[in-house]
N, C-alpha and C. Protein backbone atom coordinates (compact mmCIF):
# COMPACT_ATOMS: atom_id res chain seq x y z
N MET A 1 -98.21 -19.25 -75.16
CA MET A 1 -96.92 -17.95 -75.61
C MET A 1 -96.97 -17.00 -73.97
N ALA A 2 -96.03 -17.02 -73.77
CA ALA A 2 -96.20 -15.55 -72.51
C ALA A 2 -96.14 -14.28 -73.29
N TYR A 3 -95.39 -14.03 -73.83
CA TYR A 3 -96.17 -12.62 -74.36
C TYR A 3 -95.53 -12.29 -76.41
N GLN A 4 -96.17 -12.01 -76.91
CA GLN A 4 -95.88 -11.32 -78.07
C GLN A 4 -96.16 -10.02 -78.26
N ILE A 5 -95.43 -9.13 -78.60
CA ILE A 5 -94.71 -7.49 -78.66
C ILE A 5 -94.30 -7.11 -79.92
N GLU A 6 -94.65 -6.22 -80.67
CA GLU A 6 -94.02 -5.65 -81.56
C GLU A 6 -94.19 -3.91 -81.16
N GLY A 7 -93.15 -3.03 -82.04
CA GLY A 7 -93.07 -1.70 -81.87
C GLY A 7 -91.94 -0.66 -81.68
N GLN A 8 -91.37 0.65 -81.50
CA GLN A 8 -90.52 0.67 -81.78
C GLN A 8 -89.43 1.22 -80.77
N LEU A 9 -88.50 1.05 -81.32
CA LEU A 9 -87.66 1.32 -79.93
C LEU A 9 -86.57 2.57 -80.64
N LEU A 10 -86.20 3.28 -79.53
CA LEU A 10 -85.40 4.68 -79.46
C LEU A 10 -84.40 4.45 -78.07
N GLU A 11 -82.95 4.32 -78.83
CA GLU A 11 -81.77 3.91 -77.88
C GLU A 11 -81.00 5.48 -77.94
N VAL A 12 -80.14 6.22 -76.74
CA VAL A 12 -79.33 7.05 -77.02
C VAL A 12 -78.49 6.58 -76.03
N CYS A 13 -77.08 7.35 -76.10
CA CYS A 13 -76.24 7.11 -75.13
C CYS A 13 -74.78 8.18 -75.09
N SER A 14 -74.10 8.02 -74.20
CA SER A 14 -72.78 8.90 -73.84
C SER A 14 -72.21 8.69 -75.12
N CYS A 15 -71.78 7.75 -75.95
CA CYS A 15 -70.60 7.17 -76.76
C CYS A 15 -71.00 8.15 -77.87
N GLU A 16 -69.80 8.03 -78.71
CA GLU A 16 -69.61 8.71 -80.00
C GLU A 16 -69.99 8.25 -80.81
N VAL A 17 -70.64 8.48 -81.97
CA VAL A 17 -71.37 7.72 -83.26
C VAL A 17 -69.96 7.05 -83.92
N LEU A 18 -70.31 5.71 -84.08
CA LEU A 18 -71.05 4.59 -83.77
C LEU A 18 -70.80 4.15 -82.54
N CYS A 19 -71.72 3.63 -81.74
CA CYS A 19 -71.66 2.83 -80.39
C CYS A 19 -70.48 1.78 -80.36
N PRO A 20 -69.35 2.00 -79.64
CA PRO A 20 -68.73 0.14 -79.86
C PRO A 20 -69.36 -0.79 -79.01
N CYS A 21 -70.66 -0.31 -78.12
CA CYS A 21 -70.91 -1.93 -77.51
C CYS A 21 -71.28 -2.38 -78.52
N TRP A 22 -72.13 -1.66 -79.49
CA TRP A 22 -73.17 -2.92 -80.88
C TRP A 22 -72.03 -4.18 -81.16
N ILE A 23 -70.67 -3.59 -81.18
CA ILE A 23 -69.41 -4.73 -82.24
C ILE A 23 -69.31 -5.38 -80.69
N GLY A 24 -69.35 -4.85 -79.49
CA GLY A 24 -68.49 -5.78 -78.49
C GLY A 24 -67.17 -5.61 -77.92
N GLU A 25 -67.05 -4.18 -78.21
CA GLU A 25 -66.05 -3.01 -78.19
C GLU A 25 -66.61 -2.16 -76.49
N MET A 26 -65.17 -2.00 -76.20
CA MET A 26 -65.39 -1.03 -75.05
C MET A 26 -65.87 0.44 -75.29
N PRO A 27 -67.10 0.50 -74.43
CA PRO A 27 -67.81 1.97 -75.04
C PRO A 27 -66.75 2.86 -74.26
N ASP A 28 -66.62 4.42 -75.40
CA ASP A 28 -65.94 5.43 -75.42
C ASP A 28 -66.12 6.12 -74.07
N GLY A 29 -64.72 6.10 -73.52
CA GLY A 29 -64.44 6.90 -72.31
C GLY A 29 -64.29 5.71 -71.21
N GLY A 30 -64.76 4.44 -71.79
CA GLY A 30 -64.54 2.71 -70.86
C GLY A 30 -66.29 2.77 -70.19
N THR A 31 -67.00 3.65 -70.17
CA THR A 31 -67.88 3.40 -69.68
C THR A 31 -68.96 4.24 -70.06
N CYS A 32 -70.41 3.38 -70.17
CA CYS A 32 -71.58 4.19 -70.66
C CYS A 32 -73.02 4.43 -70.08
N ASP A 33 -73.55 5.60 -70.24
CA ASP A 33 -75.10 6.18 -70.01
C ASP A 33 -75.44 6.60 -71.14
N GLY A 34 -76.76 5.75 -70.66
CA GLY A 34 -78.05 5.45 -71.78
C GLY A 34 -78.94 5.39 -70.92
N VAL A 35 -79.62 5.40 -72.13
CA VAL A 35 -81.79 5.52 -71.89
C VAL A 35 -81.87 4.26 -73.52
N VAL A 36 -82.72 3.55 -73.15
CA VAL A 36 -83.19 2.82 -74.03
C VAL A 36 -84.92 2.72 -73.54
N ALA A 37 -85.71 2.68 -75.35
CA ALA A 37 -87.23 3.02 -74.70
C ALA A 37 -87.92 2.05 -75.52
N TYR A 38 -89.11 0.87 -75.14
CA TYR A 38 -89.37 0.11 -76.27
C TYR A 38 -90.94 0.78 -76.04
N HIS A 39 -91.65 0.87 -77.14
CA HIS A 39 -92.76 1.30 -77.12
C HIS A 39 -93.60 0.33 -77.73
N ILE A 40 -94.31 -0.56 -77.03
CA ILE A 40 -95.03 -1.35 -77.74
C ILE A 40 -96.46 -0.98 -78.57
N GLU A 41 -96.22 -0.87 -79.50
CA GLU A 41 -97.35 -0.65 -80.59
C GLU A 41 -98.19 -1.39 -80.65
N ASP A 42 -97.77 -2.95 -80.11
CA ASP A 42 -99.03 -4.20 -80.46
C ASP A 42 -98.92 -5.35 -79.72
N GLY A 43 -99.38 -5.65 -78.81
CA GLY A 43 -98.99 -6.72 -78.24
C GLY A 43 -99.78 -6.99 -76.90
N THR A 44 -99.44 -8.56 -76.56
CA THR A 44 -99.77 -8.98 -75.10
C THR A 44 -98.81 -9.65 -74.16
N VAL A 45 -99.08 -9.86 -72.87
CA VAL A 45 -98.62 -10.09 -72.17
C VAL A 45 -99.18 -10.89 -71.34
N ASN A 46 -98.76 -12.47 -71.16
CA ASN A 46 -99.38 -13.35 -70.00
C ASN A 46 -101.46 -13.09 -70.22
N GLY A 47 -101.37 -12.69 -71.73
CA GLY A 47 -103.05 -12.44 -72.01
C GLY A 47 -103.55 -11.04 -71.67
N VAL A 48 -102.30 -9.57 -70.98
CA VAL A 48 -102.68 -8.60 -70.61
C VAL A 48 -102.39 -8.01 -72.20
N ASP A 49 -103.46 -7.15 -72.90
CA ASP A 49 -102.90 -6.31 -73.82
C ASP A 49 -102.26 -4.67 -73.13
N VAL A 50 -101.09 -5.30 -73.63
CA VAL A 50 -100.39 -4.51 -73.17
C VAL A 50 -99.52 -3.14 -74.63
N SER A 51 -100.77 -2.95 -75.61
CA SER A 51 -101.01 -2.50 -77.11
C SER A 51 -100.84 -0.42 -76.34
N GLY A 52 -99.76 0.34 -76.95
CA GLY A 52 -100.12 1.43 -76.53
C GLY A 52 -98.84 2.06 -75.27
N HIS A 53 -98.18 1.33 -75.14
CA HIS A 53 -97.31 2.18 -73.45
C HIS A 53 -96.05 1.21 -74.15
N THR A 54 -94.83 1.99 -73.44
CA THR A 54 -93.89 2.18 -73.14
C THR A 54 -92.95 1.66 -71.72
N PHE A 55 -91.74 0.75 -71.89
CA PHE A 55 -91.13 0.47 -71.20
C PHE A 55 -90.03 1.49 -71.69
N ALA A 56 -88.85 1.64 -70.66
CA ALA A 56 -87.74 2.05 -70.56
C ALA A 56 -86.96 1.85 -69.64
N LEU A 57 -85.48 1.87 -69.66
CA LEU A 57 -84.77 1.72 -68.60
C LEU A 57 -83.38 2.99 -68.90
N ALA A 58 -82.94 3.90 -67.45
CA ALA A 58 -82.12 4.73 -68.01
C ALA A 58 -80.78 3.99 -66.90
N GLY A 59 -79.73 3.79 -67.86
CA GLY A 59 -78.63 3.03 -67.42
C GLY A 59 -77.40 3.63 -67.01
N PHE A 60 -76.57 2.56 -66.24
CA PHE A 60 -74.82 2.89 -66.27
C PHE A 60 -74.41 1.72 -66.73
N ILE A 61 -73.55 1.82 -67.37
CA ILE A 61 -72.85 0.20 -67.77
C ILE A 61 -71.47 0.78 -67.14
N PRO A 62 -70.46 -0.34 -66.36
CA PRO A 62 -69.70 0.12 -66.38
C PRO A 62 -67.82 -0.70 -67.12
N GLY A 63 -68.93 -0.81 -67.84
CA GLY A 63 -67.73 -1.55 -69.10
C GLY A 63 -67.97 -1.53 -70.08
N ASN A 64 -67.55 -2.85 -71.09
CA ASN A 64 -68.12 -3.81 -71.75
C ASN A 64 -69.32 -4.16 -71.65
N ALA A 65 -70.35 -3.53 -72.66
CA ALA A 65 -72.24 -4.03 -72.37
C ALA A 65 -72.21 -5.40 -72.11
N LEU A 66 -71.46 -6.12 -72.89
CA LEU A 66 -71.83 -7.65 -72.42
C LEU A 66 -71.15 -8.72 -70.87
N ASP A 67 -70.36 -7.87 -70.85
CA ASP A 67 -69.89 -8.31 -69.49
C ASP A 67 -71.19 -7.73 -68.23
N GLY A 68 -72.11 -7.03 -68.78
CA GLY A 68 -73.41 -6.40 -67.56
C GLY A 68 -72.94 -5.72 -66.54
N ASN A 69 -73.59 -6.36 -65.51
CA ASN A 69 -73.55 -5.49 -64.33
C ASN A 69 -74.06 -4.11 -64.10
N TRP A 70 -74.80 -4.09 -64.97
CA TRP A 70 -75.40 -2.30 -65.37
C TRP A 70 -76.29 -1.96 -64.08
N LYS A 71 -76.14 -0.74 -63.81
CA LYS A 71 -76.90 -0.72 -62.90
C LYS A 71 -78.38 0.42 -63.60
N VAL A 72 -79.77 0.44 -63.00
CA VAL A 72 -80.51 0.77 -64.12
C VAL A 72 -81.97 1.53 -63.44
N VAL A 73 -82.38 2.22 -64.01
CA VAL A 73 -83.64 2.58 -63.43
C VAL A 73 -84.84 1.98 -64.40
N LEU A 74 -85.91 1.55 -63.87
CA LEU A 74 -87.09 1.05 -64.89
C LEU A 74 -87.96 2.26 -64.99
N PHE A 75 -88.37 2.61 -66.34
CA PHE A 75 -90.07 2.95 -65.97
C PHE A 75 -90.75 2.38 -66.99
N VAL A 76 -92.17 2.77 -66.54
CA VAL A 76 -93.62 2.30 -67.27
C VAL A 76 -94.11 3.30 -67.17
N ASP A 77 -94.87 3.78 -68.55
CA ASP A 77 -95.71 4.73 -68.75
C ASP A 77 -97.15 4.96 -68.07
N ASP A 78 -96.99 6.02 -67.45
CA ASP A 78 -98.13 6.17 -66.06
C ASP A 78 -99.68 6.07 -66.70
N GLY A 79 -100.10 5.61 -68.21
CA GLY A 79 -101.09 5.36 -68.28
C GLY A 79 -101.46 4.16 -68.61
N ALA A 80 -100.42 3.19 -68.02
CA ALA A 80 -100.39 1.47 -67.83
C ALA A 80 -101.05 1.24 -66.66
N SER A 81 -102.17 0.60 -66.30
CA SER A 81 -102.84 0.21 -65.36
C SER A 81 -102.23 -0.74 -64.56
N ALA A 82 -102.61 -1.52 -63.63
CA ALA A 82 -101.34 -2.18 -62.43
C ALA A 82 -101.04 -3.38 -63.21
N ALA A 83 -102.02 -3.73 -63.61
CA ALA A 83 -101.83 -4.95 -64.61
C ALA A 83 -100.75 -5.09 -65.47
N GLN A 84 -101.32 -4.13 -66.44
CA GLN A 84 -100.57 -3.47 -67.58
C GLN A 84 -99.07 -3.73 -67.09
N ARG A 85 -98.94 -2.59 -66.37
CA ARG A 85 -97.30 -2.30 -65.21
C ARG A 85 -96.71 -3.79 -64.75
N ASP A 86 -97.08 -4.31 -64.57
CA ASP A 86 -96.69 -5.73 -63.92
C ASP A 86 -96.74 -6.87 -64.81
N ALA A 87 -97.24 -7.18 -65.87
CA ALA A 87 -97.28 -7.75 -67.49
C ALA A 87 -95.97 -6.93 -68.14
N ILE A 88 -95.89 -5.76 -68.41
CA ILE A 88 -94.56 -4.97 -69.07
C ILE A 88 -93.14 -5.61 -68.29
N LEU A 89 -93.53 -5.16 -66.93
CA LEU A 89 -92.37 -5.40 -65.93
C LEU A 89 -91.55 -7.00 -66.16
N ASN A 90 -92.51 -8.08 -66.02
CA ASN A 90 -92.22 -9.09 -65.83
C ASN A 90 -91.38 -9.79 -67.08
N ALA A 91 -92.33 -9.17 -68.30
CA ALA A 91 -91.71 -9.59 -69.41
C ALA A 91 -90.24 -9.05 -69.72
N PHE A 92 -89.74 -7.61 -69.56
CA PHE A 92 -88.69 -6.87 -69.66
C PHE A 92 -87.96 -7.05 -68.72
N THR A 93 -88.06 -7.71 -67.39
CA THR A 93 -86.80 -7.93 -66.72
C THR A 93 -86.54 -9.14 -66.38
N GLY A 94 -86.90 -9.94 -68.10
CA GLY A 94 -86.67 -11.17 -68.02
C GLY A 94 -87.62 -12.31 -67.43
N GLU A 95 -88.25 -12.27 -66.41
CA GLU A 95 -88.90 -13.03 -65.57
C GLU A 95 -89.41 -14.40 -66.47
N LEU A 96 -90.05 -13.80 -67.73
CA LEU A 96 -90.88 -14.82 -68.18
C LEU A 96 -89.67 -15.27 -69.87
N GLY A 97 -88.88 -15.41 -69.85
CA GLY A 97 -88.01 -15.65 -70.36
C GLY A 97 -87.90 -14.93 -72.38
N GLY A 98 -87.28 -16.11 -73.21
CA GLY A 98 -87.18 -15.58 -74.54
C GLY A 98 -86.17 -14.46 -74.54
N PRO A 99 -86.26 -13.60 -75.71
CA PRO A 99 -85.15 -13.08 -75.88
C PRO A 99 -85.04 -11.75 -75.28
N LEU A 100 -86.20 -11.37 -74.24
CA LEU A 100 -86.38 -10.06 -73.30
C LEU A 100 -85.14 -10.62 -72.42
N ALA A 101 -85.44 -12.15 -71.85
CA ALA A 101 -84.54 -12.29 -70.93
C ALA A 101 -82.96 -12.21 -70.81
N ASP A 102 -82.21 -12.28 -72.52
CA ASP A 102 -81.38 -12.17 -72.77
C ASP A 102 -80.83 -10.55 -72.24
N VAL A 103 -81.76 -9.87 -72.99
CA VAL A 103 -81.06 -8.26 -72.51
C VAL A 103 -81.00 -7.87 -70.41
N ALA A 104 -81.76 -8.77 -70.46
CA ALA A 104 -82.48 -8.09 -68.76
C ALA A 104 -81.60 -9.15 -68.12
N SER A 105 -80.86 -10.06 -68.34
CA SER A 105 -79.58 -10.58 -68.06
C SER A 105 -78.27 -9.70 -67.76
N LEU A 106 -78.03 -8.60 -68.54
CA LEU A 106 -77.13 -7.47 -68.11
C LEU A 106 -76.95 -6.82 -67.29
N VAL A 107 -78.37 -6.63 -66.36
CA VAL A 107 -78.54 -6.04 -65.28
C VAL A 107 -78.58 -6.37 -64.14
N GLY A 108 -77.44 -5.47 -63.40
CA GLY A 108 -76.57 -6.09 -62.08
C GLY A 108 -77.88 -5.14 -61.03
N GLU A 109 -77.91 -4.24 -60.93
CA GLU A 109 -78.90 -3.57 -59.78
C GLU A 109 -80.24 -2.69 -60.75
N VAL A 110 -80.94 -2.84 -59.85
CA VAL A 110 -81.77 -2.19 -60.32
C VAL A 110 -82.42 -1.35 -58.96
N VAL A 111 -82.12 0.43 -59.56
CA VAL A 111 -82.41 1.07 -58.39
C VAL A 111 -83.63 1.63 -58.17
N ALA A 112 -84.25 1.77 -59.04
CA ALA A 112 -85.68 2.36 -58.79
C ALA A 112 -86.65 1.71 -60.13
N VAL A 113 -87.92 1.50 -59.47
CA VAL A 113 -88.77 1.45 -60.48
C VAL A 113 -90.25 2.51 -60.57
N GLU A 114 -90.59 3.20 -61.39
CA GLU A 114 -91.10 3.79 -61.41
C GLU A 114 -92.08 3.86 -62.78
N GLN A 115 -93.22 5.00 -62.33
CA GLN A 115 -94.12 5.08 -63.53
C GLN A 115 -94.34 6.47 -64.31
N THR A 116 -94.03 7.38 -65.19
CA THR A 116 -94.10 7.84 -65.24
C THR A 116 -94.86 8.73 -66.71
N PRO A 117 -94.92 9.83 -67.24
CA PRO A 117 -95.35 10.43 -68.59
C PRO A 117 -94.06 9.89 -69.22
N ILE A 118 -94.09 8.88 -70.35
CA ILE A 118 -93.26 8.60 -71.10
C ILE A 118 -93.47 8.89 -72.48
N SER A 119 -93.16 9.59 -73.43
CA SER A 119 -93.54 10.03 -74.79
C SER A 119 -92.61 9.93 -75.92
N VAL A 120 -92.69 8.77 -76.77
CA VAL A 120 -91.93 8.46 -78.24
C VAL A 120 -92.58 8.76 -79.17
N ARG A 121 -92.12 9.52 -80.08
CA ARG A 121 -92.41 10.06 -81.29
C ARG A 121 -91.48 9.55 -82.58
N VAL A 122 -91.86 8.65 -83.52
CA VAL A 122 -90.81 8.63 -84.71
C VAL A 122 -91.57 9.31 -85.84
N VAL A 123 -90.84 10.65 -86.65
CA VAL A 123 -92.00 11.15 -87.52
C VAL A 123 -90.97 11.54 -88.21
N GLU A 124 -91.31 10.95 -89.63
CA GLU A 124 -90.20 10.83 -90.87
C GLU A 124 -88.69 10.43 -90.76
N GLY A 125 -88.87 9.67 -89.58
CA GLY A 125 -87.00 8.93 -89.62
C GLY A 125 -86.71 10.09 -88.24
N LYS A 126 -87.56 11.27 -87.77
CA LYS A 126 -86.64 11.65 -86.59
C LYS A 126 -87.72 11.05 -84.92
N GLY A 127 -86.78 10.63 -84.45
CA GLY A 127 -87.51 9.97 -83.08
C GLY A 127 -87.07 11.09 -81.90
N THR A 128 -88.35 11.27 -81.07
CA THR A 128 -88.21 12.15 -80.11
C THR A 128 -88.44 11.17 -78.70
N LEU A 129 -87.90 11.31 -77.53
CA LEU A 129 -88.03 10.59 -76.38
C LEU A 129 -88.18 11.75 -75.54
N LYS A 130 -89.06 11.10 -74.45
CA LYS A 130 -89.23 12.15 -72.86
C LYS A 130 -89.57 10.92 -72.35
N ILE A 131 -89.24 11.35 -70.92
CA ILE A 131 -89.60 10.25 -69.89
C ILE A 131 -89.64 11.22 -68.61
N GLY A 132 -90.99 11.57 -68.73
CA GLY A 132 -91.01 12.54 -67.33
C GLY A 132 -89.84 14.01 -67.55
N SER A 133 -89.73 14.37 -66.60
CA SER A 133 -88.62 15.04 -66.47
C SER A 133 -87.11 14.59 -66.05
N VAL A 134 -86.92 13.13 -66.45
CA VAL A 134 -85.91 12.54 -66.42
C VAL A 134 -84.88 12.68 -67.28
N VAL A 135 -85.59 12.78 -68.99
CA VAL A 135 -84.46 12.29 -70.36
C VAL A 135 -85.61 13.04 -71.19
N ASP A 136 -84.42 13.79 -72.23
CA ASP A 136 -85.28 14.69 -73.13
C ASP A 136 -84.52 14.44 -73.80
N ALA A 137 -84.55 13.92 -76.00
CA ALA A 137 -83.74 13.35 -76.70
C ALA A 137 -84.18 13.00 -77.58
N GLU A 138 -83.69 13.89 -78.69
CA GLU A 138 -84.13 13.84 -80.85
C GLU A 138 -83.16 13.32 -81.27
N MET A 139 -83.34 12.29 -82.16
CA MET A 139 -82.58 11.74 -82.92
C MET A 139 -82.97 11.50 -84.23
N THR A 140 -81.73 11.65 -85.18
CA THR A 140 -82.57 11.28 -86.68
C THR A 140 -81.21 10.11 -87.28
N PRO A 141 -81.58 9.34 -87.70
CA PRO A 141 -81.11 8.24 -88.61
C PRO A 141 -80.21 8.88 -89.85
N TYR A 142 -78.66 7.78 -89.78
CA TYR A 142 -78.38 8.43 -90.94
C TYR A 142 -78.73 7.76 -92.50
N VAL A 143 -78.57 8.36 -93.70
CA VAL A 143 -78.84 7.51 -94.61
C VAL A 143 -77.90 7.41 -95.42
N GLY A 144 -77.84 6.57 -96.53
CA GLY A 144 -76.63 6.04 -97.47
C GLY A 144 -77.16 7.09 -98.45
N PRO A 145 -76.09 6.66 -99.80
CA PRO A 145 -76.17 7.90 -100.84
C PRO A 145 -77.67 6.92 -102.03
N THR A 146 -77.95 6.32 -101.18
CA THR A 146 -79.54 6.01 -102.02
C THR A 146 -80.39 6.17 -100.99
N GLY A 147 -80.55 7.14 -100.70
CA GLY A 147 -81.50 7.15 -99.48
C GLY A 147 -81.87 6.53 -98.38
N GLU A 148 -81.54 5.44 -98.32
CA GLU A 148 -81.99 4.29 -97.36
C GLU A 148 -81.20 4.62 -96.15
N VAL A 149 -81.90 4.22 -95.03
CA VAL A 149 -81.48 4.26 -93.89
C VAL A 149 -80.30 3.23 -93.41
N THR A 150 -79.28 4.09 -93.12
CA THR A 150 -77.94 2.71 -92.51
C THR A 150 -78.38 2.24 -91.77
N THR A 151 -78.06 0.61 -91.49
CA THR A 151 -78.50 -0.02 -90.74
C THR A 151 -77.63 -1.39 -90.28
N LEU A 152 -77.10 -1.36 -89.51
CA LEU A 152 -76.67 -2.89 -88.69
C LEU A 152 -77.22 -3.78 -88.41
N HIS A 153 -75.96 -5.15 -88.97
CA HIS A 153 -76.99 -6.49 -88.35
C HIS A 153 -76.15 -7.13 -88.36
N GLU A 154 -77.01 -8.27 -87.67
CA GLU A 154 -75.79 -9.39 -87.28
C GLU A 154 -74.60 -8.55 -86.32
N THR A 155 -74.93 -8.32 -85.45
CA THR A 155 -74.04 -7.10 -84.31
C THR A 155 -73.83 -8.28 -83.04
N VAL A 156 -72.71 -8.43 -82.38
CA VAL A 156 -72.17 -9.02 -81.30
C VAL A 156 -73.34 -8.64 -80.11
N PHE A 157 -73.85 -7.09 -79.57
CA PHE A 157 -74.81 -6.98 -78.98
C PHE A 157 -76.00 -6.45 -79.46
N THR A 158 -76.92 -6.26 -78.85
CA THR A 158 -78.24 -5.73 -79.58
C THR A 158 -79.46 -5.93 -78.41
N THR A 159 -80.13 -4.56 -78.66
CA THR A 159 -81.43 -4.44 -77.45
C THR A 159 -82.29 -4.87 -78.53
N ILE A 160 -82.41 -5.31 -79.82
CA ILE A 160 -83.02 -5.79 -80.38
C ILE A 160 -83.12 -7.29 -81.52
N PRO A 161 -82.87 -7.82 -80.90
CA PRO A 161 -82.65 -9.20 -81.05
C PRO A 161 -83.23 -9.56 -82.32
N GLY A 162 -82.85 -9.74 -83.16
CA GLY A 162 -84.06 -10.57 -84.62
C GLY A 162 -84.07 -9.28 -85.21
N SER A 163 -83.47 -7.83 -85.41
CA SER A 163 -84.41 -6.85 -86.39
C SER A 163 -83.13 -5.98 -86.14
N PRO A 164 -82.76 -5.39 -87.90
CA PRO A 164 -82.20 -4.24 -88.03
C PRO A 164 -81.62 -3.27 -86.92
N ALA A 165 -80.69 -2.63 -86.85
CA ALA A 165 -80.83 -1.37 -85.64
C ALA A 165 -80.65 -0.11 -87.19
N TYR A 166 -81.30 1.06 -86.64
CA TYR A 166 -80.30 2.23 -87.95
C TYR A 166 -79.94 3.26 -86.98
N VAL A 167 -78.72 3.21 -87.63
CA VAL A 167 -77.65 4.19 -87.07
C VAL A 167 -77.98 5.65 -87.02
N SER A 168 -78.19 6.57 -85.81
CA SER A 168 -78.60 7.75 -85.64
C SER A 168 -77.56 8.80 -84.84
N LYS A 169 -77.61 9.72 -84.88
CA LYS A 169 -77.42 10.63 -84.09
C LYS A 169 -78.53 11.31 -83.27
N ALA A 170 -77.86 11.75 -82.19
CA ALA A 170 -78.89 12.35 -80.72
C ALA A 170 -78.21 13.60 -81.51
N SER A 171 -79.18 14.92 -81.64
CA SER A 171 -79.23 16.06 -81.60
C SER A 171 -78.28 16.90 -80.01
N HIS A 172 -80.02 16.07 -79.65
CA HIS A 172 -79.03 16.66 -77.89
C HIS A 172 -79.63 15.43 -76.90
N PHE A 173 -79.39 14.90 -76.16
CA PHE A 173 -79.35 13.71 -74.76
C PHE A 173 -79.30 14.69 -73.22
N LYS A 174 -80.47 15.04 -72.60
CA LYS A 174 -80.15 14.95 -71.77
C LYS A 174 -80.98 14.28 -70.82
N ARG A 175 -80.31 13.94 -69.49
CA ARG A 175 -80.52 12.93 -68.49
C ARG A 175 -80.46 13.67 -67.35
N ASN A 176 -81.69 13.92 -66.16
CA ASN A 176 -81.29 13.95 -65.18
C ASN A 176 -81.77 12.84 -63.85
N SER A 177 -80.82 12.33 -63.82
CA SER A 177 -80.86 10.92 -62.80
C SER A 177 -80.07 11.17 -62.12
N ALA A 178 -79.05 12.15 -61.54
CA ALA A 178 -78.20 11.85 -60.36
C ALA A 178 -79.08 11.41 -58.69
N VAL A 179 -80.41 11.90 -58.89
CA VAL A 179 -80.94 11.81 -57.30
C VAL A 179 -81.10 9.96 -57.60
N TYR A 180 -80.94 9.30 -58.95
CA TYR A 180 -81.44 7.84 -58.66
C TYR A 180 -79.68 7.18 -58.35
N GLY A 181 -78.38 7.95 -58.56
CA GLY A 181 -76.75 7.08 -58.13
C GLY A 181 -76.31 7.23 -59.50
N ILE A 182 -76.95 7.84 -60.99
CA ILE A 182 -76.34 7.67 -62.35
C ILE A 182 -76.26 8.99 -62.59
N LYS A 183 -75.14 9.75 -63.07
CA LYS A 183 -74.98 10.74 -63.15
C LYS A 183 -75.94 10.97 -64.33
N ASP A 184 -75.31 12.98 -64.14
CA ASP A 184 -76.23 13.53 -65.17
C ASP A 184 -75.90 13.80 -66.24
N VAL A 185 -76.28 13.81 -67.52
CA VAL A 185 -76.35 13.88 -68.94
C VAL A 185 -76.42 14.69 -69.49
N ASP A 186 -75.80 16.05 -70.23
CA ASP A 186 -76.03 17.07 -71.18
C ASP A 186 -74.97 17.04 -72.75
N LEU A 187 -75.63 16.15 -73.46
CA LEU A 187 -74.93 15.88 -74.78
C LEU A 187 -75.46 16.39 -76.15
N GLU A 188 -74.89 16.61 -76.66
CA GLU A 188 -75.44 16.73 -78.31
C GLU A 188 -74.41 15.61 -79.64
N ASP A 189 -75.44 15.50 -80.53
CA ASP A 189 -74.73 15.20 -81.54
C ASP A 189 -73.73 13.86 -80.93
N HIS A 190 -73.91 12.73 -80.20
CA HIS A 190 -74.01 11.46 -79.65
C HIS A 190 -74.59 10.25 -80.28
N ASN A 191 -74.32 9.68 -79.83
CA ASN A 191 -74.97 7.89 -80.37
C ASN A 191 -76.46 7.85 -80.14
N ALA A 192 -77.11 7.46 -81.62
CA ALA A 192 -78.35 7.05 -81.22
C ALA A 192 -78.52 5.84 -82.17
N ILE A 193 -79.78 5.19 -81.43
CA ILE A 193 -80.08 3.82 -82.08
C ILE A 193 -81.77 3.76 -82.54
N GLN A 194 -81.97 3.44 -83.84
CA GLN A 194 -83.38 3.05 -84.15
C GLN A 194 -83.43 2.42 -84.44
N GLY A 195 -85.11 1.87 -84.80
CA GLY A 195 -85.33 0.04 -84.60
C GLY A 195 -86.86 -0.50 -84.77
N THR A 196 -87.31 -1.21 -84.86
CA THR A 196 -88.54 -1.67 -84.91
C THR A 196 -88.26 -3.34 -84.46
N PHE A 197 -89.36 -3.69 -83.17
CA PHE A 197 -89.00 -4.85 -82.85
C PHE A 197 -90.15 -5.86 -82.99
N ARG A 198 -89.87 -7.07 -82.78
CA ARG A 198 -91.03 -8.08 -82.30
C ARG A 198 -90.51 -9.01 -81.76
N PHE A 199 -91.01 -9.16 -80.35
CA PHE A 199 -90.53 -10.40 -79.65
C PHE A 199 -91.69 -11.27 -79.27
N GLU A 200 -91.15 -12.68 -79.30
CA GLU A 200 -91.76 -13.59 -78.83
C GLU A 200 -91.39 -14.78 -77.63
N ALA A 201 -92.12 -15.43 -76.98
CA ALA A 201 -91.64 -16.04 -75.75
C ALA A 201 -93.14 -16.68 -75.56
């Protein structure tokens, strides 16, 4: 088995709530600027233990998400060793196949790969994400009348294949990314997604 990983997803973008990308429609405004972070709580990649580490990407989607050609910056937390970093990148860039390769196939250009401090926290449903000095976001899921979290199932597009996504709103989303050729973002009360994942290949 090439990889077996599980953990938490935090995702935030410039679309209104709810992001139309997840149902295969054009993003609000025609393009999308977002950040996706996968915090691996437990798992291995090609025999390398990557538990406790995080992979994230900051990206620009020029149209429908399913059409690909995403322009992205990739991040691995600075606590990962060289072996862990390489294993994580091999998995998430699609080199090892499986469900991660499906998402990776949408990327058209990787403008940079960096290691930096990454903080992912989920406490009582509220998620916070910080990636060095590049990203700062906080999000809270919606709940229904029974108190259960509002979820998406069987969507055309997903960053966590096989798992439900929790519909959320980001109270703030700041991204300082112009240095990478991807515009800065400073928004309040826009789309966010949370969820858990388990990927195997």
